[in-house]
């Protein structure tokens, strides 16, 4: 899973990687639970990872 938090001041020439966040961080900021239907252990594992090796 990839999650991004981009400020309003983005110019457009920034690397997307600098805005990459784990889903758990985004959930804490938004008070949303995106993958609540998944098994709890699977949900925790997936939402806590930030797949930086893809970038």
Protein backbone atom coordinates (compact mmCIF):
# COMPACT_ATOMS: atom_id res chain seq x y z
CA UNK A 1 0.00 0.00 0.00
CA UNK A 2 1.17 3.47 -0.76
CA UNK A 3 0.00 6.54 1.07
CA UNK A 4 0.98 10.14 0.51
CA UNK A 5 0.59 13.34 2.46
CA UNK A 6 1.18 16.32 0.23
CA UNK A 7 1.11 19.87 1.52
CA UNK A 8 -0.82 22.53 -0.37
CA UNK A 9 2.43 24.32 -1.20
CA UNK A 10 3.71 21.57 -3.55
CA UNK A 11 5.39 23.12 -6.59
CA UNK A 12 5.21 20.02 -8.74
CA UNK A 13 8.90 19.29 -9.17
CA UNK A 14 9.34 17.46 -5.86
CA UNK A 15 10.01 13.74 -5.76
CA UNK A 16 6.87 11.83 -4.72
CA UNK A 17 8.99 9.74 -2.35
CA UNK A 18 9.36 12.66 0.07
CA UNK A 19 5.59 12.58 0.69
CA UNK A 20 5.33 8.80 1.11
CA UNK A 21 3.78 7.74 4.44
CA UNK A 22 2.51 4.50 5.90
CA UNK A 23 -1.27 4.09 5.93
CA UNK A 24 -1.33 3.95 9.74
CA UNK A 25 0.05 7.52 9.90
CA UNK A 26 -2.61 8.73 7.47
CA UNK A 27 -5.33 6.99 9.47
CA UNK A 28 -4.18 8.73 12.66
CA UNK A 29 -4.26 12.13 10.98
CA UNK A 30 -7.63 11.62 9.26
CA UNK A 31 -9.37 9.52 11.93
CA UNK A 32 -10.35 7.07 9.18
CA UNK A 33 -9.94 3.29 9.14
CA UNK A 34 -9.31 2.38 5.51
CA UNK A 35 -9.00 -1.41 5.64
CA UNK A 36 -11.27 -2.35 8.52
CA UNK A 37 -12.60 -5.46 6.77
CA UNK A 38 -9.20 -7.16 6.74
CA UNK A 39 -8.14 -9.55 9.45
CA UNK A 40 -6.69 -7.35 12.25
CA UNK A 41 -3.17 -8.83 12.08
CA UNK A 42 -3.04 -8.48 8.29
CA UNK A 43 -4.39 -4.94 8.51
CA UNK A 44 -1.76 -3.93 11.08
CA UNK A 45 1.10 -5.40 9.04
CA UNK A 46 0.05 -3.81 5.76
CA UNK A 47 -0.80 -0.41 7.21
CA UNK A 48 2.47 -0.13 9.13
CA UNK A 49 4.77 -0.76 6.17
CA UNK A 50 6.17 1.94 3.92
CA UNK A 51 7.40 0.27 0.70
CA UNK A 52 10.34 2.61 -0.01
CA UNK A 53 12.26 0.00 -2.03
CA UNK A 54 9.80 0.55 -4.89
CA UNK A 55 11.10 4.10 -5.27
